[in-house]
Amino acid sequence: MADDDKPSKKRSTAPVRSQPLDAKHVLDYLERTGQALEKLRVTAPPRSHLEEVAADFLEMAEAYHSDGWHFFKEGDLVSAFACVSDAHGWLDAGARLGLWDVDEDDRLFTLAS
């Protein structure tokens, strides 16, 4: 298909509405991610490649969660929120891949179905 034949993507010119981060909002995410870390149970078979993948995903989630708390205590809400978002992304990815059992908890995790 020639470039002229492609449908054009119209971009909205409306202003993007954003809300400032507040400490309560970031704290809620940090605590929810902590609950998710406590809840999961690794289900990857022992001595398998998936066990290594699960360990790697969990290590990344724990490290980002810890960094999030560090930045939160320093008052850097933007970095804290970025870290906790990354941490929870690793947790959700692991849950969707079946690396851990989360008791079908779709409040703490984004599940596949």
C-alpha atoms as a PDB file:
ATOM      1  CA  MET A   1       0.000   0.000   0.000  1.00  0.00           C
ATOM      2  CA  ALA A   2       1.404   3.390  -0.971  1.00  0.00           C
ATOM      3  CA  ASP A   3       1.806   6.060   1.688  1.00  0.00           C
ATOM      4  CA  ASP A   4      -0.984   8.077   0.042  1.00  0.00           C
ATOM      5  CA  ASP A   5      -3.387   5.119   0.429  1.00  0.00           C
ATOM      6  CA  LYS A   6      -2.836   4.673   4.174  1.00  0.00           C
ATOM      7  CA  PRO A   7      -5.546   5.980   6.446  1.00  0.00           C
ATOM      8  CA  SER A   8      -4.386   9.067   8.272  1.00  0.00           C
ATOM      9  CA  LYS A   9      -4.172   9.011  12.027  1.00  0.00           C
ATOM     10  CA  LYS A  10      -5.779  12.100  13.402  1.00  0.00           C
ATOM     11  CA  ARG A  11      -4.171  13.388  16.521  1.00  0.00           C
ATOM     12  CA  SER A  12      -6.277  15.116  19.059  1.00  0.00           C
ATOM     13  CA  THR A  13      -5.504  18.754  19.544  1.00  0.00           C
ATOM     14  CA  ALA A  14      -7.384  18.818  22.833  1.00  0.00           C
ATOM     15  CA  PRO A  15      -5.225  19.633  25.830  1.00  0.00           C
ATOM     16  CA  VAL A  16      -4.075  16.643  27.853  1.00  0.00           C
ATOM     17  CA  ARG A  17      -5.552  16.702  31.310  1.00  0.00           C
ATOM     18  CA  SER A  18      -3.207  15.553  34.025  1.00  0.00           C
ATOM     19  CA  GLN A  19      -3.311  15.494  37.764  1.00  0.00           C
ATOM     20  CA  PRO A  20      -0.353  16.191  39.996  1.00  0.00           C
ATOM     21  CA  LEU A  21       1.028  13.308  42.012  1.00  0.00           C
ATOM     22  CA  ASP A  22       0.354  13.440  45.684  1.00  0.00           C
ATOM     23  CA  ALA A  23       2.024  11.442  48.423  1.00  0.00           C
ATOM     24  CA  LYS A  24      -1.168   9.576  49.332  1.00  0.00           C
ATOM     25  CA  HIS A  25      -1.585   8.320  45.766  1.00  0.00           C
ATOM     26  CA  VAL A  26       2.021   7.110  45.512  1.00  0.00           C
ATOM     27  CA  LEU A  27       1.874   5.541  48.977  1.00  0.00           C
ATOM     28  CA  ASP A  28      -1.248   3.606  47.958  1.00  0.00           C
ATOM     29  CA  TYR A  29       0.581   2.162  44.944  1.00  0.00           C
ATOM     30  CA  LEU A  30       3.647   1.269  47.018  1.00  0.00           C
ATOM     31  CA  GLU A  31       1.498  -0.521  49.591  1.00  0.00           C
ATOM     32  CA  ARG A  32      -0.561  -2.340  46.939  1.00  0.00           C
ATOM     33  CA  THR A  33       2.603  -3.534  45.230  1.00  0.00           C
ATOM     34  CA  GLY A  34       3.909  -4.734  48.611  1.00  0.00           C
ATOM     35  CA  GLN A  35       0.682  -6.725  49.079  1.00  0.00           C
ATOM     36  CA  ALA A  36       1.126  -8.258  45.632  1.00  0.00           C
ATOM     37  CA  LEU A  37       4.710  -9.254  46.441  1.00  0.00           C
ATOM     38  CA  GLU A  38       3.528 -10.954  49.633  1.00  0.00           C
ATOM     39  CA  LYS A  39       0.670 -12.765  47.923  1.00  0.00           C
ATOM     40  CA  LEU A  40       2.368 -14.407  44.946  1.00  0.00           C
ATOM     41  CA  ARG A  41       3.690 -17.958  45.069  1.00  0.00           C
ATOM     42  CA  VAL A  42       6.243 -19.048  42.481  1.00  0.00           C
ATOM     43  CA  THR A  43       4.821 -21.960  40.467  1.00  0.00           C
ATOM     44  CA  ALA A  44       7.556 -22.443  37.893  1.00  0.00           C
ATOM     45  CA  PRO A  45       8.922 -26.008  37.993  1.00  0.00           C
ATOM     46  CA  PRO A  46      12.118 -26.460  40.019  1.00  0.00           C
ATOM     47  CA  ARG A  47      15.375 -26.570  38.055  1.00  0.00           C
ATOM     48  CA  SER A  48      13.634 -25.293  34.921  1.00  0.00           C
ATOM     49  CA  HIS A  49      14.340 -22.302  32.720  1.00  0.00           C
ATOM     50  CA  LEU A  50      11.027 -20.842  33.902  1.00  0.00           C
ATOM     51  CA  GLU A  51      12.216 -21.013  37.498  1.00  0.00           C
ATOM     52  CA  GLU A  52      15.143 -18.776  36.488  1.00  0.00           C
ATOM     53  CA  VAL A  53      12.783 -16.435  34.640  1.00  0.00           C
ATOM     54  CA  ALA A  54      10.474 -16.248  37.667  1.00  0.00           C
ATOM     55  CA  ALA A  55      13.418 -15.482  39.952  1.00  0.00           C
ATOM     56  CA  ASP A  56      14.585 -12.738  37.568  1.00  0.00           C
ATOM     57  CA  PHE A  57      11.117 -11.169  37.309  1.00  0.00           C
ATOM     58  CA  LEU A  58      10.720 -11.272  41.086  1.00  0.00           C
ATOM     59  CA  GLU A  59      14.162  -9.769  41.657  1.00  0.00           C
ATOM     60  CA  MET A  60      13.345  -6.910  39.282  1.00  0.00           C
ATOM     61  CA  ALA A  61       9.977  -6.272  40.969  1.00  0.00           C
ATOM     62  CA  GLU A  62      11.514  -6.282  44.448  1.00  0.00           C
ATOM     63  CA  ALA A  63      14.357  -3.974  43.388  1.00  0.00           C
ATOM     64  CA  TYR A  64      12.025  -1.448  41.764  1.00  0.00           C
ATOM     65  CA  HIS A  65       9.672  -1.606  44.760  1.00  0.00           C
ATOM     66  CA  SER A  66      12.587  -0.953  47.117  1.00  0.00           C
ATOM     67  CA  ASP A  67      13.790   1.931  44.946  1.00  0.00           C
ATOM     68  CA  GLY A  68      10.255   3.329  44.973  1.00  0.00           C
ATOM     69  CA  TRP A  69      10.260   3.401  48.772  1.00  0.00           C
ATOM     70  CA  HIS A  70      13.670   5.070  48.753  1.00  0.00           C
ATOM     71  CA  PHE A  71      12.508   7.850  46.433  1.00  0.00           C
ATOM     72  CA  PHE A  72       9.240   8.218  48.358  1.00  0.00           C
ATOM     73  CA  LYS A  73      11.129   8.756  51.633  1.00  0.00           C
ATOM     74  CA  GLU A  74      13.327  11.314  49.861  1.00  0.00           C
ATOM     75  CA  GLY A  75      10.218  13.188  48.703  1.00  0.00           C
ATOM     76  CA  ASP A  76      10.791  12.449  44.996  1.00  0.00           C
ATOM     77  CA  LEU A  77       7.243  11.394  44.120  1.00  0.00           C
ATOM     78  CA  VAL A  78       7.815  11.247  40.364  1.00  0.00           C
ATOM     79  CA  SER A  79      10.705   8.771  40.655  1.00  0.00           C
ATOM     80  CA  ALA A  80       8.860   6.805  43.345  1.00  0.00           C
ATOM     81  CA  PHE A  81       5.807   6.483  41.120  1.00  0.00           C
ATOM     82  CA  ALA A  82       7.927   5.479  38.123  1.00  0.00           C
ATOM     83  CA  CYS A  83       9.657   2.767  40.171  1.00  0.00           C
ATOM     84  CA  VAL A  84       6.468   1.337  41.633  1.00  0.00           C
ATOM     85  CA  SER A  85       4.870   1.303  38.187  1.00  0.00           C
ATOM     86  CA  ASP A  86       7.821  -0.682  36.847  1.00  0.00           C
ATOM     87  CA  ALA A  87       7.696  -3.036  39.847  1.00  0.00           C
ATOM     88  CA  HIS A  88       4.035  -3.790  39.327  1.00  0.00           C
ATOM     89  CA  GLY A  89       4.588  -4.252  35.612  1.00  0.00           C
ATOM     90  CA  TRP A  90       7.050  -7.066  36.367  1.00  0.00           C
ATOM     91  CA  LEU A  91       4.533  -8.620  38.774  1.00  0.00           C
ATOM     92  CA  ASP A  92       1.676  -8.443  36.289  1.00  0.00           C
ATOM     93  CA  ALA A  93       3.850  -9.884  33.523  1.00  0.00           C
ATOM     94  CA  GLY A  94       4.827 -12.803  35.759  1.00  0.00           C
ATOM     95  CA  ALA A  95       1.212 -13.446  36.707  1.00  0.00           C
ATOM     96  CA  ARG A  96       0.068 -13.392  33.068  1.00  0.00           C
ATOM     97  CA  LEU A  97       2.874 -15.746  32.039  1.00  0.00           C
ATOM     98  CA  GLY A  98       1.973 -18.179  34.835  1.00  0.00           C
ATOM     99  CA  LEU A  99       5.262 -17.794  36.697  1.00  0.00           C
ATOM    100  CA  TRP A 100       3.376 -17.470  39.963  1.00  0.00           C
ATOM    101  CA  ASP A 101       0.024 -18.257  41.445  1.00  0.00           C
ATOM    102  CA  VAL A 102      -1.897 -15.193  42.584  1.00  0.00           C
ATOM    103  CA  ASP A 103      -5.173 -16.914  43.561  1.00  0.00           C
ATOM    104  CA  GLU A 104      -6.902 -15.248  40.595  1.00  0.00           C
ATOM    105  CA  ASP A 105      -6.624 -11.907  42.406  1.00  0.00           C
ATOM    106  CA  ASP A 106      -7.564  -9.342  39.784  1.00  0.00           C
ATOM    107  CA  ARG A 107      -7.423  -6.479  42.266  1.00  0.00           C
ATOM    108  CA  LEU A 108      -3.672  -6.783  42.836  1.00  0.00           C
ATOM    109  CA  PHE A 109      -2.746  -8.220  39.433  1.00  0.00           C
ATOM    110  CA  THR A 110      -3.732  -7.739  35.801  1.00  0.00           C
ATOM    111  CA  LEU A 111      -4.631 -11.265  34.719  1.00  0.00           C
ATOM    112  CA  ALA A 112      -4.901 -12.670  31.194  1.00  0.00           C
ATOM    113  CA  SER A 113      -8.595 -13.463  31.389  1.00  0.00           C
END
